[in-house]
PDB file of N, CA and C in Angstrom:
ATOM      1  N   MET A   1      42.426 -18.611  52.184  1.00  0.00           N
ATOM      2  CA  MET A   1      43.276 -17.433  52.355  1.00  0.00           C
ATOM      3  C   MET A   1      43.863 -17.407  53.745  1.00  0.00           C
ATOM      4  N   LEU A   2      45.101 -17.345  53.779  1.00  0.00           N
ATOM      5  CA  LEU A   2      45.808 -17.371  55.111  1.00  0.00           C
ATOM      6  C   LEU A   2      45.923 -15.945  55.565  1.00  0.00           C
ATOM      7  N   CYS A   3      45.766 -15.749  56.790  1.00  0.00           N
ATOM      8  CA  CYS A   3      45.905 -14.443  57.406  1.00  0.00           C
ATOM      9  C   CYS A   3      47.024 -14.526  58.470  1.00  0.00           C
ATOM     10  N   VAL A   4      48.257 -14.308  58.100  1.00  0.00           N
ATOM     11  CA  VAL A   4      49.359 -14.659  58.948  1.00  0.00           C
ATOM     12  C   VAL A   4      50.384 -13.512  58.997  1.00  0.00           C
ATOM     13  N   ASN A   5      50.758 -13.194  60.236  1.00  0.00           N
ATOM     14  CA  ASN A   5      51.842 -12.235  60.498  1.00  0.00           C
ATOM     15  C   ASN A   5      53.128 -12.997  60.853  1.00  0.00           C
ATOM     16  N   THR A   6      54.213 -12.738  60.122  1.00  0.00           N
ATOM     17  CA  THR A   6      55.407 -13.576  60.255  1.00  0.00           C
ATOM     18  C   THR A   6      55.960 -13.508  61.709  1.00  0.00           C
ATOM     19  N   GLU A   7      55.768 -12.449  62.400  1.00  0.00           N
ATOM     20  CA  GLU A   7      56.192 -12.312  63.782  1.00  0.00           C
ATOM     21  C   GLU A   7      55.441 -13.308  64.680  1.00  0.00           C
ATOM     22  N   TRP A   8      54.140 -13.444  64.334  1.00  0.00           N
ATOM     23  CA  TRP A   8      53.367 -14.342  65.158  1.00  0.00           C
ATOM     24  C   TRP A   8      53.771 -15.822  64.932  1.00  0.00           C
ATOM     25  N   ILE A   9      54.196 -16.076  63.675  1.00  0.00           N
ATOM     26  CA  ILE A   9      54.705 -17.447  63.389  1.00  0.00           C
ATOM     27  C   ILE A   9      55.947 -17.769  64.215  1.00  0.00           C
ATOM     28  N   GLU A  10      56.841 -16.797  64.302  1.00  0.00           N
ATOM     29  CA  GLU A  10      58.064 -16.962  65.069  1.00  0.00           C
ATOM     30  C   GLU A  10      57.698 -17.098  66.541  1.00  0.00           C
ATOM     31  N   GLU A  11      56.809 -16.355  67.069  1.00  0.00           N
ATOM     32  CA  GLU A  11      56.400 -16.423  68.479  1.00  0.00           C
ATOM     33  C   GLU A  11      55.640 -17.702  68.813  1.00  0.00           C
ATOM     34  N   ILE A  12      54.686 -17.998  67.967  1.00  0.00           N
ATOM     35  CA  ILE A  12      53.777 -19.176  68.200  1.00  0.00           C
ATOM     36  C   ILE A  12      54.471 -20.469  67.683  1.00  0.00           C
ATOM     37  N   GLY A  13      55.269 -20.357  66.646  1.00  0.00           N
ATOM     38  CA  GLY A  13      55.987 -21.488  66.090  1.00  0.00           C
ATOM     39  C   GLY A  13      55.242 -22.418  65.282  1.00  0.00           C
ATOM     40  N   ASP A  14      53.990 -22.046  64.847  1.00  0.00           N
ATOM     41  CA  ASP A  14      53.154 -22.907  64.052  1.00  0.00           C
ATOM     42  C   ASP A  14      52.291 -22.022  63.200  1.00  0.00           C
ATOM     43  N   VAL A  15      52.388 -22.268  61.897  1.00  0.00           N
ATOM     44  CA  VAL A  15      51.678 -21.403  60.880  1.00  0.00           C
ATOM     45  C   VAL A  15      50.152 -21.503  61.095  1.00  0.00           C
ATOM     46  N   GLU A  16      49.623 -22.728  61.312  1.00  0.00           N
ATOM     47  CA  GLU A  16      48.199 -22.961  61.495  1.00  0.00           C
ATOM     48  C   GLU A  16      47.704 -22.186  62.745  1.00  0.00           C
ATOM     49  N   GLN A  17      48.418 -22.258  63.847  1.00  0.00           N
ATOM     50  CA  GLN A  17      48.000 -21.595  65.096  1.00  0.00           C
ATOM     51  C   GLN A  17      48.102 -20.070  64.876  1.00  0.00           C
ATOM     52  N   ALA A  18      49.115 -19.599  64.214  1.00  0.00           N
ATOM     53  CA  ALA A  18      49.355 -18.216  63.956  1.00  0.00           C
ATOM     54  C   ALA A  18      48.152 -17.695  63.101  1.00  0.00           C
ATOM     55  N   SER A  19      47.738 -18.495  62.087  1.00  0.00           N
ATOM     56  CA  SER A  19      46.637 -18.134  61.238  1.00  0.00           C
ATOM     57  C   SER A  19      45.362 -18.007  62.104  1.00  0.00           C
ATOM     58  N   LEU A  20      45.117 -18.964  62.953  1.00  0.00           N
ATOM     59  CA  LEU A  20      43.939 -18.952  63.756  1.00  0.00           C
ATOM     60  C   LEU A  20      43.984 -17.750  64.688  1.00  0.00           C
ATOM     61  N   PHE A  21      45.133 -17.446  65.273  1.00  0.00           N
ATOM     62  CA  PHE A  21      45.212 -16.314  66.107  1.00  0.00           C
ATOM     63  C   PHE A  21      44.984 -14.991  65.347  1.00  0.00           C
ATOM     64  N   CYS A  22      45.444 -14.950  64.100  1.00  0.00           N
ATOM     65  CA  CYS A  22      45.271 -13.743  63.333  1.00  0.00           C
ATOM     66  C   CYS A  22      43.831 -13.592  63.040  1.00  0.00           C
ATOM     67  N   TRP A  23      43.071 -14.615  62.733  1.00  0.00           N
ATOM     68  CA  TRP A  23      41.656 -14.468  62.414  1.00  0.00           C
ATOM     69  C   TRP A  23      40.876 -14.067  63.625  1.00  0.00           C
ATOM     70  N   GLN A  24      41.314 -14.499  64.837  1.00  0.00           N
ATOM     71  CA  GLN A  24      40.644 -14.090  66.126  1.00  0.00           C
ATOM     72  C   GLN A  24      40.838 -12.610  66.312  1.00  0.00           C
ATOM     73  N   VAL A  25      42.066 -12.129  66.052  1.00  0.00           N
ATOM     74  CA  VAL A  25      42.380 -10.718  66.190  1.00  0.00           C
ATOM     75  C   VAL A  25      41.548  -9.923  65.184  1.00  0.00           C
ATOM     76  N   PHE A  26      41.491 -10.394  63.935  1.00  0.00           N
ATOM     77  CA  PHE A  26      40.703  -9.761  62.872  1.00  0.00           C
ATOM     78  C   PHE A  26      39.239  -9.636  63.261  1.00  0.00           C
ATOM     79  N   ILE A  27      38.637 -10.751  63.722  1.00  0.00           N
ATOM     80  CA  ILE A  27      37.262 -10.840  64.097  1.00  0.00           C
ATOM     81  C   ILE A  27      37.022  -9.871  65.259  1.00  0.00           C
ATOM     82  N   ASN A  28      37.939  -9.876  66.314  1.00  0.00           N
ATOM     83  CA  ASN A  28      37.677  -9.003  67.414  1.00  0.00           C
ATOM     84  C   ASN A  28      37.784  -7.528  66.972  1.00  0.00           C
ATOM     85  N   LYS A  29      38.704  -7.150  66.097  1.00  0.00           N
ATOM     86  CA  LYS A  29      38.767  -5.769  65.595  1.00  0.00           C
ATOM     87  C   LYS A  29      37.570  -5.417  64.783  1.00  0.00           C
ATOM     88  N   PHE A  30      37.080  -6.372  63.967  1.00  0.00           N
ATOM     89  CA  PHE A  30      35.826  -6.164  63.186  1.00  0.00           C
ATOM     90  C   PHE A  30      34.631  -5.842  64.122  1.00  0.00           C
ATOM     91  N   LEU A  31      34.521  -6.718  65.175  1.00  0.00           N
ATOM     92  CA  LEU A  31      33.388  -6.546  66.099  1.00  0.00           C
ATOM     93  C   LEU A  31      33.552  -5.253  66.818  1.00  0.00           C
ATOM     94  N   LEU A  32      34.718  -4.863  67.202  1.00  0.00           N
ATOM     95  CA  LEU A  32      34.887  -3.568  67.873  1.00  0.00           C
ATOM     96  C   LEU A  32      34.545  -2.445  66.993  1.00  0.00           C
ATOM     97  N   ARG A  33      34.885  -2.537  65.704  1.00  0.00           N
ATOM     98  CA  ARG A  33      34.622  -1.426  64.791  1.00  0.00           C
ATOM     99  C   ARG A  33      33.198  -1.287  64.393  1.00  0.00           C
ATOM    100  N   THR A  34      32.513  -2.455  64.191  1.00  0.00           N
ATOM    101  CA  THR A  34      31.090  -2.409  63.754  1.00  0.00           C
ATOM    102  C   THR A  34      30.158  -2.660  64.843  1.00  0.00           C
ATOM    103  N   GLY A  35      30.541  -3.534  65.772  1.00  0.00           N
ATOM    104  CA  GLY A  35      29.624  -3.942  66.880  1.00  0.00           C
ATOM    105  C   GLY A  35      28.489  -4.794  66.392  1.00  0.00           C
ATOM    106  N   LYS A  36      28.572  -5.351  65.148  1.00  0.00           N
ATOM    107  CA  LYS A  36      27.437  -6.116  64.617  1.00  0.00           C
ATOM    108  C   LYS A  36      27.922  -7.544  64.318  1.00  0.00           C
ATOM    109  N   LEU A  37      27.514  -8.442  65.165  1.00  0.00           N
ATOM    110  CA  LEU A  37      27.820  -9.830  64.989  1.00  0.00           C
ATOM    111  C   LEU A  37      27.107 -10.391  63.747  1.00  0.00           C
ATOM    112  N   LYS A  38      25.895  -9.995  63.513  1.00  0.00           N
ATOM    113  CA  LYS A  38      25.157 -10.522  62.340  1.00  0.00           C
ATOM    114  C   LYS A  38      25.819 -10.188  61.069  1.00  0.00           C
ATOM    115  N   THR A  39      26.338  -9.014  60.945  1.00  0.00           N
ATOM    116  CA  THR A  39      27.113  -8.661  59.762  1.00  0.00           C
ATOM    117  C   THR A  39      28.332  -9.503  59.548  1.00  0.00           C
ATOM    118  N   LEU A  40      29.039  -9.780  60.617  1.00  0.00           N
ATOM    119  CA  LEU A  40      30.270 -10.621  60.570  1.00  0.00           C
ATOM    120  C   LEU A  40      29.907 -11.973  60.116  1.00  0.00           C
ATOM    121  N   LEU A  41      28.870 -12.549  60.729  1.00  0.00           N
ATOM    122  CA  LEU A  41      28.404 -13.938  60.450  1.00  0.00           C
ATOM    123  C   LEU A  41      28.031 -14.041  58.992  1.00  0.00           C
ATOM    124  N   HIS A  42      27.306 -13.007  58.511  1.00  0.00           N
ATOM    125  CA  HIS A  42      26.806 -12.934  57.161  1.00  0.00           C
ATOM    126  C   HIS A  42      28.044 -12.980  56.200  1.00  0.00           C
ATOM    127  N   THR A  43      29.017 -12.107  56.571  1.00  0.00           N
ATOM    128  CA  THR A  43      30.235 -11.951  55.701  1.00  0.00           C
ATOM    129  C   THR A  43      30.985 -13.308  55.635  1.00  0.00           C
ATOM    130  N   ILE A  44      31.097 -13.962  56.786  1.00  0.00           N
ATOM    131  CA  ILE A  44      31.816 -15.302  56.799  1.00  0.00           C
ATOM    132  C   ILE A  44      31.002 -16.314  56.033  1.00  0.00           C
ATOM    133  N   LYS A  45      29.700 -16.377  56.199  1.00  0.00           N
ATOM    134  CA  LYS A  45      28.858 -17.296  55.484  1.00  0.00           C
ATOM    135  C   LYS A  45      28.976 -17.038  54.002  1.00  0.00           C
ATOM    136  N   GLN A  46      28.887 -15.795  53.530  1.00  0.00           N
ATOM    137  CA  GLN A  46      29.013 -15.486  52.132  1.00  0.00           C
ATOM    138  C   GLN A  46      30.330 -15.880  51.534  1.00  0.00           C
ATOM    139  N   ALA A  47      31.404 -15.610  52.297  1.00  0.00           N
ATOM    140  CA  ALA A  47      32.787 -16.017  51.830  1.00  0.00           C
ATOM    141  C   ALA A  47      32.841 -17.478  51.722  1.00  0.00           C
ATOM    142  N   PHE A  48      32.313 -18.253  52.712  1.00  0.00           N
ATOM    143  CA  PHE A  48      32.264 -19.709  52.667  1.00  0.00           C
ATOM    144  C   PHE A  48      31.548 -20.223  51.413  1.00  0.00           C
ATOM    145  N   MET A  49      30.316 -19.671  51.179  1.00  0.00           N
ATOM    146  CA  MET A  49      29.521 -20.031  50.072  1.00  0.00           C
ATOM    147  C   MET A  49      30.160 -19.731  48.718  1.00  0.00           C
ATOM    148  N   ASP A  50      30.853 -18.552  48.669  1.00  0.00           N
ATOM    149  CA  ASP A  50      31.544 -18.231  47.412  1.00  0.00           C
ATOM    150  C   ASP A  50      32.669 -19.225  47.117  1.00  0.00           C
ATOM    151  N   ARG A  51      33.332 -19.621  48.179  1.00  0.00           N
ATOM    152  CA  ARG A  51      34.454 -20.571  48.077  1.00  0.00           C
ATOM    153  C   ARG A  51      33.957 -21.924  47.625  1.00  0.00           C
ATOM    154  N   MET A  52      32.884 -22.367  48.283  1.00  0.00           N
ATOM    155  CA  MET A  52      32.300 -23.656  47.973  1.00  0.00           C
ATOM    156  C   MET A  52      31.815 -23.675  46.479  1.00  0.00           C
ATOM    157  N   ASN A  53      31.147 -22.590  46.075  1.00  0.00           N
ATOM    158  CA  ASN A  53      30.664 -22.438  44.697  1.00  0.00           C
ATOM    159  C   ASN A  53      31.823 -22.547  43.692  1.00  0.00           C
ATOM    160  N   ASN A  54      32.968 -21.855  44.106  1.00  0.00           N
ATOM    161  CA  ASN A  54      34.115 -21.872  43.192  1.00  0.00           C
ATOM    162  C   ASN A  54      34.679 -23.288  43.058  1.00  0.00           C
ATOM    163  N   ILE A  55      34.817 -23.949  44.196  1.00  0.00           N
ATOM    164  CA  ILE A  55      35.294 -25.344  44.202  1.00  0.00           C
ATOM    165  C   ILE A  55      34.343 -26.280  43.393  1.00  0.00           C
ATOM    166  N   CYS A  56      33.077 -26.073  43.659  1.00  0.00           N
ATOM    167  CA  CYS A  56      32.066 -26.888  42.921  1.00  0.00           C
ATOM    168  C   CYS A  56      32.110 -26.637  41.437  1.00  0.00           C
ATOM    169  N   SER A  57      32.251 -25.425  41.011  1.00  0.00           N
ATOM    170  CA  SER A  57      32.301 -25.188  39.528  1.00  0.00           C
ATOM    171  C   SER A  57      33.530 -25.809  38.908  1.00  0.00           C
ATOM    172  N   LYS A  58      34.560 -25.923  39.640  1.00  0.00           N
ATOM    173  CA  LYS A  58      35.835 -26.537  39.108  1.00  0.00           C
ATOM    174  C   LYS A  58      35.687 -28.026  38.961  1.00  0.00           C
ATOM    175  N   MET A  59      34.754 -28.649  39.683  1.00  0.00           N
ATOM    176  CA  MET A  59      34.575 -30.096  39.673  1.00  0.00           C
ATOM    177  C   MET A  59      33.654 -30.558  38.529  1.00  0.00           C
ATOM    178  N   LEU A  60      33.279 -29.676  37.644  1.00  0.00           N
ATOM    179  CA  LEU A  60      32.444 -29.940  36.486  1.00  0.00           C
ATOM    180  C   LEU A  60      31.041 -30.283  36.844  1.00  0.00           C
ATOM    181  N   SER A  61      30.785 -31.313  37.598  1.00  0.00           N
ATOM    182  CA  SER A  61      29.369 -31.726  37.921  1.00  0.00           C
ATOM    183  C   SER A  61      29.005 -31.117  39.272  1.00  0.00           C
ATOM    184  N   CYS A  62      28.021 -30.300  39.275  1.00  0.00           N
ATOM    185  CA  CYS A  62      27.640 -29.671  40.548  1.00  0.00           C
ATOM    186  C   CYS A  62      26.141 -29.606  40.556  1.00  0.00           C
TER     187      CYS A  62
END
């Protein structure tokens, strides 16, 4: 899932860098709002595991 603001792409000139920047902003906002790093790490880990399970299930043998 890409997290990109088109203005950032124009300013930064690179979709990948803009995406990374966007995630840094998102994470910073999340941390400011919740103040809980553990929650964020758990959320990221869960999203990663869900994605891997999804990929794995598409590959038939898992």
